[in-house]
Amino acid sequence: MKTSSLLLSVCVALILTACNFSAGTNKDLRTGLSYSYNGFAVEKVLLVDSENSIKTDNEVVMNSKVAIAIEGLTNYTLKDDKAFPGMQLLVTDKQGTAVVQEADLFADSPGYSAEDAAFLRGTVTVGDPMKAGETYHVKVRVWDKNKPDSELTAEIDLVVL
């Protein structure tokens, strides 16, 4: 009986390892940036300014740039040794009206090495039609075009100064 229990446990562990399943969620309590992923593995997702400095709050100055930086994104399904990420960027105002709407920033991509595709960035230029004193919701969605079930989403509310 003990042998069959041990054998069953080993088989289950091997099956779970073979699936290469990865999922999780995280939230930065300082900035409010939250992200979740399924199918991918990721080291970190950060809010950075135009000089690539990690931000410690969600306030942005008009006529500046801010980015959601995704670092260490792995588990792509490769085709001809290339990864084919898709990236959607959506910025909405308080009423839910789109200010920026990009369906796929990599729509015309010839593919990337897995190393290059591990580091992605969704950059928002804070400017017209945005207004100082308003809050905007930013959502970035990354998916694997060779395996669309694999995706990462990141969201944050930005306060424009």
N, C-alpha and C. Protein backbone atom coordinates (compact mmCIF):
# COMPACT_ATOMS: atom_id res chain seq x y z
N MET A 1 0.83 -1.19 0.00
CA MET A 1 0.00 0.00 0.00
C MET A 1 0.87 1.26 0.00
N LYS A 2 1.93 1.27 0.85
CA LYS A 2 2.82 2.43 0.91
C LYS A 2 3.54 2.63 -0.41
N THR A 3 3.91 1.52 -1.06
CA THR A 3 4.60 1.60 -2.34
C THR A 3 3.72 2.22 -3.41
N SER A 4 2.46 1.84 -3.47
CA SER A 4 1.56 2.39 -4.49
C SER A 4 1.27 3.87 -4.21
N SER A 5 1.18 4.29 -2.95
CA SER A 5 0.98 5.70 -2.61
C SER A 5 2.18 6.52 -3.03
N LEU A 6 3.37 5.98 -2.76
CA LEU A 6 4.60 6.67 -3.13
C LEU A 6 4.71 6.77 -4.66
N LEU A 7 4.39 5.70 -5.35
CA LEU A 7 4.43 5.68 -6.80
C LEU A 7 3.44 6.69 -7.39
N LEU A 8 2.25 6.74 -6.83
CA LEU A 8 1.23 7.69 -7.29
C LEU A 8 1.71 9.13 -7.07
N SER A 9 2.30 9.42 -5.92
CA SER A 9 2.80 10.76 -5.63
C SER A 9 3.90 11.17 -6.60
N VAL A 10 4.80 10.25 -6.91
CA VAL A 10 5.87 10.54 -7.85
C VAL A 10 5.30 10.80 -9.24
N CYS A 11 4.32 10.01 -9.67
CA CYS A 11 3.69 10.19 -10.98
C CYS A 11 2.99 11.55 -11.07
N VAL A 12 2.27 11.92 -10.06
CA VAL A 12 1.58 13.22 -10.05
C VAL A 12 2.60 14.35 -10.12
N ALA A 13 3.68 14.26 -9.35
CA ALA A 13 4.72 15.28 -9.36
C ALA A 13 5.35 15.40 -10.74
N LEU A 14 5.61 14.29 -11.39
CA LEU A 14 6.19 14.31 -12.73
C LEU A 14 5.23 14.92 -13.75
N ILE A 15 3.98 14.61 -13.65
CA ILE A 15 2.98 15.16 -14.57
C ILE A 15 2.88 16.67 -14.40
N LEU A 16 2.83 17.14 -13.16
CA LEU A 16 2.74 18.58 -12.92
C LEU A 16 3.99 19.31 -13.40
N THR A 17 5.15 18.71 -13.22
CA THR A 17 6.39 19.30 -13.69
C THR A 17 6.43 19.33 -15.21
N ALA A 18 5.95 18.28 -15.85
CA ALA A 18 5.97 18.19 -17.31
C ALA A 18 5.05 19.22 -17.96
N CYS A 19 4.00 19.62 -17.27
CA CYS A 19 3.06 20.60 -17.83
C CYS A 19 3.68 21.98 -17.95
N ASN A 20 4.73 22.26 -17.18
CA ASN A 20 5.39 23.55 -17.21
C ASN A 20 4.40 24.67 -16.94
N PHE A 21 3.48 24.42 -16.03
CA PHE A 21 2.41 25.35 -15.70
C PHE A 21 2.95 26.46 -14.82
N SER A 22 2.58 27.68 -15.13
CA SER A 22 3.00 28.82 -14.34
C SER A 22 1.86 29.83 -14.29
N ALA A 23 1.52 30.27 -13.10
CA ALA A 23 0.49 31.28 -12.93
C ALA A 23 0.74 32.01 -11.62
N GLY A 24 0.25 33.24 -11.54
CA GLY A 24 0.40 33.99 -10.31
C GLY A 24 -0.14 35.39 -10.43
N THR A 25 -0.16 36.08 -9.30
CA THR A 25 -0.57 37.47 -9.24
C THR A 25 0.36 38.20 -8.29
N ASN A 26 0.42 39.51 -8.44
CA ASN A 26 1.25 40.32 -7.58
C ASN A 26 0.74 41.76 -7.62
N LYS A 27 0.98 42.50 -6.53
CA LYS A 27 0.60 43.91 -6.49
C LYS A 27 1.66 44.68 -5.73
N ASP A 28 2.08 45.79 -6.32
CA ASP A 28 3.01 46.71 -5.67
C ASP A 28 2.16 47.70 -4.88
N LEU A 29 2.24 47.64 -3.57
CA LEU A 29 1.39 48.48 -2.73
C LEU A 29 1.79 49.95 -2.77
N ARG A 30 3.01 50.25 -3.19
CA ARG A 30 3.44 51.66 -3.28
C ARG A 30 2.84 52.35 -4.50
N THR A 31 2.89 51.67 -5.64
CA THR A 31 2.40 52.30 -6.88
C THR A 31 0.97 51.89 -7.22
N GLY A 32 0.54 50.73 -6.72
CA GLY A 32 -0.77 50.21 -7.08
C GLY A 32 -0.73 49.34 -8.33
N LEU A 33 0.46 49.16 -8.91
CA LEU A 33 0.60 48.31 -10.11
C LEU A 33 0.31 46.87 -9.73
N SER A 34 -0.63 46.26 -10.42
CA SER A 34 -0.93 44.85 -10.18
C SER A 34 -0.75 44.09 -11.49
N TYR A 35 -0.38 42.83 -11.36
CA TYR A 35 -0.26 42.01 -12.56
C TYR A 35 -0.58 40.57 -12.23
N SER A 36 -1.01 39.86 -13.27
CA SER A 36 -1.27 38.44 -13.16
C SER A 36 -0.77 37.77 -14.44
N TYR A 37 -0.42 36.51 -14.31
CA TYR A 37 0.08 35.78 -15.46
C TYR A 37 -0.37 34.35 -15.39
N ASN A 38 -0.49 33.76 -16.58
CA ASN A 38 -0.92 32.37 -16.71
C ASN A 38 -0.20 31.78 -17.92
N GLY A 39 0.53 30.71 -17.72
CA GLY A 39 1.26 30.08 -18.82
C GLY A 39 2.67 30.61 -18.96
N PHE A 40 2.86 31.89 -18.69
CA PHE A 40 4.20 32.50 -18.67
C PHE A 40 4.78 32.35 -17.26
N ALA A 41 6.08 32.58 -17.17
CA ALA A 41 6.74 32.83 -15.90
C ALA A 41 7.34 34.23 -16.05
N VAL A 42 7.41 34.98 -14.96
CA VAL A 42 7.93 36.34 -15.03
C VAL A 42 8.72 36.64 -13.76
N GLU A 43 9.82 37.36 -13.91
CA GLU A 43 10.62 37.75 -12.75
C GLU A 43 10.01 38.94 -12.05
N LYS A 44 9.71 40.02 -12.81
CA LYS A 44 9.12 41.20 -12.19
C LYS A 44 8.45 42.08 -13.23
N VAL A 45 7.50 42.85 -12.73
CA VAL A 45 6.79 43.86 -13.54
C VAL A 45 6.86 45.14 -12.73
N LEU A 46 7.36 46.20 -13.36
CA LEU A 46 7.64 47.45 -12.65
C LEU A 46 7.07 48.65 -13.39
N LEU A 47 6.85 49.72 -12.66
CA LEU A 47 6.53 51.00 -13.26
C LEU A 47 7.82 51.81 -13.27
N VAL A 48 8.22 52.27 -14.46
CA VAL A 48 9.47 53.02 -14.60
C VAL A 48 9.22 54.34 -15.32
N ASP A 49 10.09 55.31 -15.04
CA ASP A 49 9.97 56.60 -15.72
C ASP A 49 10.79 56.59 -17.00
N SER A 50 10.85 57.74 -17.67
CA SER A 50 11.54 57.81 -18.97
C SER A 50 13.04 57.56 -18.86
N GLU A 51 13.60 57.67 -17.67
CA GLU A 51 15.03 57.42 -17.47
C GLU A 51 15.27 56.02 -16.92
N ASN A 52 14.24 55.17 -16.98
CA ASN A 52 14.31 53.78 -16.54
C ASN A 52 14.49 53.63 -15.03
N SER A 53 14.15 54.66 -14.28
CA SER A 53 14.19 54.59 -12.82
C SER A 53 12.87 54.01 -12.33
N ILE A 54 12.95 53.13 -11.34
CA ILE A 54 11.75 52.51 -10.79
C ILE A 54 10.98 53.56 -10.00
N LYS A 55 9.70 53.70 -10.32
CA LYS A 55 8.86 54.67 -9.62
C LYS A 55 8.36 54.07 -8.31
N THR A 56 8.19 54.95 -7.32
CA THR A 56 7.69 54.52 -6.02
C THR A 56 6.29 55.04 -5.74
N ASP A 57 5.68 55.68 -6.74
CA ASP A 57 4.30 56.13 -6.62
C ASP A 57 3.66 56.09 -8.01
N ASN A 58 2.41 56.47 -8.10
CA ASN A 58 1.71 56.41 -9.39
C ASN A 58 1.45 57.80 -9.97
N GLU A 59 2.19 58.80 -9.52
CA GLU A 59 2.02 60.16 -10.02
C GLU A 59 2.95 60.39 -11.21
N VAL A 60 2.39 60.98 -12.26
CA VAL A 60 3.17 61.28 -13.46
C VAL A 60 2.94 62.73 -13.86
N VAL A 61 3.96 63.33 -14.42
CA VAL A 61 3.91 64.73 -14.82
C VAL A 61 3.46 64.81 -16.28
N MET A 62 2.65 65.82 -16.55
CA MET A 62 2.20 66.05 -17.93
C MET A 62 3.42 66.20 -18.83
N ASN A 63 3.31 65.74 -20.06
CA ASN A 63 4.38 65.78 -21.07
C ASN A 63 5.61 64.97 -20.67
N SER A 64 5.35 63.83 -20.03
CA SER A 64 6.44 62.91 -19.68
C SER A 64 6.07 61.52 -20.20
N LYS A 65 6.94 60.57 -19.95
CA LYS A 65 6.67 59.18 -20.34
C LYS A 65 6.84 58.29 -19.13
N VAL A 66 6.03 57.24 -19.11
CA VAL A 66 6.09 56.24 -18.06
C VAL A 66 5.84 54.89 -18.73
N ALA A 67 6.41 53.84 -18.17
CA ALA A 67 6.26 52.53 -18.81
C ALA A 67 6.02 51.44 -17.79
N ILE A 68 5.26 50.45 -18.21
CA ILE A 68 5.15 49.20 -17.47
C ILE A 68 6.21 48.30 -18.09
N ALA A 69 7.23 47.98 -17.30
CA ALA A 69 8.36 47.18 -17.77
C ALA A 69 8.19 45.75 -17.27
N ILE A 70 8.25 44.82 -18.20
CA ILE A 70 8.11 43.40 -17.89
C ILE A 70 9.48 42.76 -18.08
N GLU A 71 9.99 42.16 -17.02
CA GLU A 71 11.34 41.61 -17.06
C GLU A 71 11.34 40.12 -16.74
N GLY A 72 12.08 39.39 -17.54
CA GLY A 72 12.22 37.95 -17.30
C GLY A 72 10.99 37.15 -17.68
N LEU A 73 10.33 37.52 -18.76
CA LEU A 73 9.14 36.79 -19.22
C LEU A 73 9.59 35.57 -20.02
N THR A 74 9.20 34.39 -19.55
CA THR A 74 9.64 33.15 -20.20
C THR A 74 8.47 32.20 -20.41
N ASN A 75 8.75 31.08 -21.01
CA ASN A 75 7.80 30.01 -21.35
C ASN A 75 7.04 30.30 -22.64
N TYR A 76 7.65 31.04 -23.53
CA TYR A 76 7.06 31.21 -24.86
C TYR A 76 7.08 29.87 -25.59
N THR A 77 6.13 29.68 -26.47
CA THR A 77 6.18 28.57 -27.41
C THR A 77 6.90 29.11 -28.64
N LEU A 78 8.08 28.60 -28.92
CA LEU A 78 8.91 29.12 -30.01
C LEU A 78 8.55 28.49 -31.34
N LYS A 79 8.67 29.28 -32.39
CA LYS A 79 8.47 28.81 -33.75
C LYS A 79 9.71 29.25 -34.54
N ASP A 80 10.43 28.31 -35.08
CA ASP A 80 11.70 28.60 -35.75
C ASP A 80 12.65 29.37 -34.83
N ASP A 81 12.69 28.94 -33.56
CA ASP A 81 13.54 29.54 -32.53
C ASP A 81 13.20 31.00 -32.24
N LYS A 82 11.97 31.42 -32.54
CA LYS A 82 11.56 32.80 -32.28
C LYS A 82 10.29 32.83 -31.44
N ALA A 83 10.22 33.84 -30.59
CA ALA A 83 9.01 34.11 -29.80
C ALA A 83 8.20 35.17 -30.53
N PHE A 84 6.89 35.04 -30.44
CA PHE A 84 5.99 35.98 -31.09
C PHE A 84 5.02 36.56 -30.06
N PRO A 85 5.49 37.59 -29.31
CA PRO A 85 4.60 38.19 -28.33
C PRO A 85 3.61 39.15 -29.00
N GLY A 86 2.46 39.29 -28.38
CA GLY A 86 1.52 40.33 -28.74
C GLY A 86 1.43 41.25 -27.53
N MET A 87 1.18 42.54 -27.76
CA MET A 87 1.04 43.46 -26.64
C MET A 87 -0.04 44.48 -26.92
N GLN A 88 -1.06 44.46 -26.07
CA GLN A 88 -2.15 45.42 -26.15
C GLN A 88 -1.91 46.49 -25.08
N LEU A 89 -2.15 47.76 -25.45
CA LEU A 89 -2.02 48.86 -24.51
C LEU A 89 -3.30 49.67 -24.55
N LEU A 90 -3.91 49.86 -23.38
CA LEU A 90 -5.16 50.60 -23.29
C LEU A 90 -5.07 51.57 -22.13
N VAL A 91 -5.38 52.84 -22.41
CA VAL A 91 -5.44 53.88 -21.39
C VAL A 91 -6.84 54.48 -21.46
N THR A 92 -7.52 54.49 -20.31
CA THR A 92 -8.88 55.03 -20.27
C THR A 92 -8.99 56.10 -19.19
N ASP A 93 -9.95 57.02 -19.40
CA ASP A 93 -10.22 58.04 -18.38
C ASP A 93 -11.21 57.48 -17.36
N LYS A 94 -11.65 58.33 -16.43
CA LYS A 94 -12.55 57.88 -15.37
C LYS A 94 -13.88 57.35 -15.91
N GLN A 95 -14.31 57.84 -17.05
CA GLN A 95 -15.57 57.40 -17.64
C GLN A 95 -15.41 56.12 -18.45
N GLY A 96 -14.18 55.64 -18.59
CA GLY A 96 -13.94 54.42 -19.36
C GLY A 96 -13.70 54.68 -20.84
N THR A 97 -13.60 55.95 -21.21
CA THR A 97 -13.34 56.31 -22.61
C THR A 97 -11.85 56.10 -22.91
N ALA A 98 -11.57 55.43 -24.01
CA ALA A 98 -10.19 55.17 -24.40
C ALA A 98 -9.48 56.45 -24.81
N VAL A 99 -8.32 56.68 -24.21
CA VAL A 99 -7.45 57.79 -24.57
C VAL A 99 -6.35 57.28 -25.49
N VAL A 100 -5.86 56.10 -25.20
CA VAL A 100 -4.89 55.39 -26.03
C VAL A 100 -5.42 53.97 -26.17
N GLN A 101 -5.41 53.46 -27.41
CA GLN A 101 -5.89 52.10 -27.63
C GLN A 101 -5.08 51.47 -28.75
N GLU A 102 -4.18 50.60 -28.37
CA GLU A 102 -3.34 49.88 -29.33
C GLU A 102 -3.65 48.40 -29.19
N ALA A 103 -4.19 47.80 -30.23
CA ALA A 103 -4.60 46.39 -30.20
C ALA A 103 -3.40 45.44 -30.11
N ASP A 104 -2.31 45.76 -30.81
CA ASP A 104 -1.12 44.91 -30.78
C ASP A 104 0.09 45.72 -31.24
N LEU A 105 0.91 46.11 -30.28
CA LEU A 105 2.11 46.90 -30.60
C LEU A 105 3.13 46.10 -31.40
N PHE A 106 3.01 44.77 -31.41
CA PHE A 106 3.93 43.92 -32.17
C PHE A 106 3.24 43.26 -33.36
N ALA A 107 2.25 43.92 -33.92
CA ALA A 107 1.44 43.32 -35.00
C ALA A 107 2.29 42.94 -36.22
N ASP A 108 3.27 43.72 -36.56
CA ASP A 108 4.08 43.45 -37.75
C ASP A 108 5.43 42.83 -37.42
N SER A 109 5.55 42.23 -36.26
CA SER A 109 6.82 41.68 -35.80
C SER A 109 7.22 40.43 -36.57
N PRO A 110 8.51 40.34 -36.92
CA PRO A 110 9.02 39.12 -37.55
C PRO A 110 9.40 38.06 -36.50
N GLY A 111 9.15 38.35 -35.22
CA GLY A 111 9.53 37.45 -34.13
C GLY A 111 10.82 37.90 -33.50
N TYR A 112 11.05 37.43 -32.28
CA TYR A 112 12.23 37.82 -31.51
C TYR A 112 12.85 36.58 -30.90
N SER A 113 14.12 36.70 -30.54
CA SER A 113 14.74 35.61 -29.78
C SER A 113 14.04 35.55 -28.43
N ALA A 114 14.06 34.41 -27.79
CA ALA A 114 13.44 34.28 -26.47
C ALA A 114 14.08 35.25 -25.48
N GLU A 115 15.38 35.50 -25.63
CA GLU A 115 16.08 36.44 -24.75
C GLU A 115 15.56 37.85 -24.93
N ASP A 116 15.36 38.29 -26.17
CA ASP A 116 14.84 39.64 -26.42
C ASP A 116 13.38 39.76 -26.00
N ALA A 117 12.59 38.73 -26.21
CA ALA A 117 11.17 38.77 -25.86
C ALA A 117 10.94 38.69 -24.35
N ALA A 118 11.98 38.41 -23.60
CA ALA A 118 11.86 38.33 -22.14
C ALA A 118 11.72 39.71 -21.51
N PHE A 119 12.08 40.76 -22.23
CA PHE A 119 12.05 42.12 -21.69
C PHE A 119 11.17 42.98 -22.59
N LEU A 120 9.98 43.29 -22.09
CA LEU A 120 9.01 44.07 -22.87
C LEU A 120 8.62 45.31 -22.09
N ARG A 121 8.12 46.30 -22.81
CA ARG A 121 7.76 47.56 -22.18
C ARG A 121 6.59 48.19 -22.91
N GLY A 122 5.58 48.55 -22.13
CA GLY A 122 4.44 49.30 -22.65
C GLY A 122 4.57 50.73 -22.18
N THR A 123 4.90 51.64 -23.09
CA THR A 123 5.18 53.02 -22.73
C THR A 123 3.98 53.92 -23.02
N VAL A 124 3.67 54.79 -22.07
CA VAL A 124 2.59 55.75 -22.20
C VAL A 124 3.19 57.14 -22.22
N THR A 125 2.89 57.91 -23.25
CA THR A 125 3.26 59.31 -23.29
C THR A 125 2.12 60.09 -22.64
N VAL A 126 2.43 60.77 -21.55
CA VAL A 126 1.43 61.51 -20.79
C VAL A 126 1.30 62.89 -21.42
N GLY A 127 0.23 63.06 -22.20
CA GLY A 127 0.03 64.33 -22.91
C GLY A 127 -1.39 64.40 -23.42
N ASP A 128 -1.63 65.37 -24.28
CA ASP A 128 -2.95 65.61 -24.84
C ASP A 128 -3.50 64.31 -25.45
N PRO A 129 -4.70 63.90 -25.17
CA PRO A 129 -5.82 64.60 -24.55
C PRO A 129 -5.91 64.44 -23.03
N MET A 130 -4.88 63.88 -22.39
CA MET A 130 -4.90 63.76 -20.93
C MET A 130 -4.85 65.15 -20.31
N LYS A 131 -5.35 65.23 -19.08
CA LYS A 131 -5.40 66.52 -18.38
C LYS A 131 -4.81 66.38 -16.98
N ALA A 132 -4.10 67.41 -16.55
CA ALA A 132 -3.55 67.44 -15.20
C ALA A 132 -4.70 67.41 -14.20
N GLY A 133 -4.47 66.70 -13.10
CA GLY A 133 -5.49 66.59 -12.07
C GLY A 133 -6.44 65.41 -12.27
N GLU A 134 -6.30 64.70 -13.36
CA GLU A 134 -7.15 63.54 -13.67
C GLU A 134 -6.39 62.24 -13.42
N THR A 135 -7.16 61.17 -13.25
CA THR A 135 -6.60 59.83 -13.07
C THR A 135 -6.95 58.99 -14.29
N TYR A 136 -5.99 58.22 -14.78
CA TYR A 136 -6.18 57.37 -15.96
C TYR A 136 -5.79 55.94 -15.62
N HIS A 137 -6.55 55.01 -16.16
CA HIS A 137 -6.30 53.59 -15.94
C HIS A 137 -5.50 53.04 -17.13
N VAL A 138 -4.39 52.40 -16.83
CA VAL A 138 -3.54 51.82 -17.87
C VAL A 138 -3.59 50.31 -17.73
N LYS A 139 -3.81 49.65 -18.85
CA LYS A 139 -3.80 48.18 -18.87
C LYS A 139 -2.92 47.71 -20.02
N VAL A 140 -2.01 46.81 -19.68
CA VAL A 140 -1.15 46.18 -20.68
C VAL A 140 -1.47 44.69 -20.65
N ARG A 141 -1.66 44.12 -21.83
CA ARG A 141 -1.88 42.68 -21.94
C ARG A 141 -0.84 42.13 -22.92
N VAL A 142 -0.09 41.13 -22.47
CA VAL A 142 0.90 40.45 -23.31
C VAL A 142 0.44 39.02 -23.48
N TRP A 143 0.53 38.51 -24.69
CA TRP A 143 0.18 37.12 -24.93
C TRP A 143 1.17 36.50 -25.91
N ASP A 144 1.20 35.19 -25.92
CA ASP A 144 2.06 34.42 -26.82
C ASP A 144 1.22 34.08 -28.05
N LYS A 145 1.60 34.60 -29.20
CA LYS A 145 0.81 34.36 -30.42
C LYS A 145 0.83 32.89 -30.85
N ASN A 146 1.83 32.13 -30.40
CA ASN A 146 1.89 30.71 -30.71
C ASN A 146 1.10 29.87 -29.70
N LYS A 147 0.76 30.46 -28.58
CA LYS A 147 -0.03 29.79 -27.55
C LYS A 147 -0.85 30.86 -26.83
N PRO A 148 -1.95 31.31 -27.42
CA PRO A 148 -2.71 32.45 -26.89
C PRO A 148 -3.21 32.30 -25.46
N ASP A 149 -3.24 31.07 -24.92
CA ASP A 149 -3.65 30.89 -23.52
C ASP A 149 -2.63 31.49 -22.56
N SER A 150 -1.38 31.62 -23.01
CA SER A 150 -0.34 32.20 -22.16
C SER A 150 -0.45 33.72 -22.24
N GLU A 151 -0.72 34.34 -21.08
CA GLU A 151 -0.84 35.80 -21.09
C GLU A 151 -0.43 36.39 -19.75
N LEU A 152 -0.09 37.66 -19.81
CA LEU A 152 0.21 38.46 -18.63
C LEU A 152 -0.57 39.76 -18.78
N THR A 153 -1.25 40.18 -17.72
CA THR A 153 -1.92 41.47 -17.73
C THR A 153 -1.38 42.29 -16.57
N ALA A 154 -1.19 43.58 -16.80
CA ALA A 154 -0.74 44.50 -15.77
C ALA A 154 -1.61 45.75 -15.83
N GLU A 155 -1.97 46.26 -14.66
CA GLU A 155 -2.86 47.43 -14.59
C GLU A 155 -2.41 48.38 -13.50
N ILE A 156 -2.65 49.68 -13.76
CA ILE A 156 -2.34 50.71 -12.77
C ILE A 156 -3.19 51.95 -13.06
N ASP A 157 -3.52 52.68 -12.00
CA ASP A 157 -4.15 54.00 -12.15
C ASP A 157 -3.04 55.03 -12.01
N LEU A 158 -2.94 55.91 -13.02
CA LEU A 158 -1.94 56.98 -13.00
C LEU A 158 -2.61 58.30 -12.69
N VAL A 159 -2.03 59.07 -11.78
CA VAL A 159 -2.51 60.40 -11.44
C VAL A 159 -1.64 61.40 -12.17
N VAL A 160 -2.22 62.19 -13.05
CA VAL A 160 -1.47 63.17 -13.84
C VAL A 160 -1.37 64.48 -13.06
N LEU A 161 -0.15 64.97 -12.91
CA LEU A 161 0.10 66.24 -12.19
C LEU A 161 0.26 67.39 -13.16
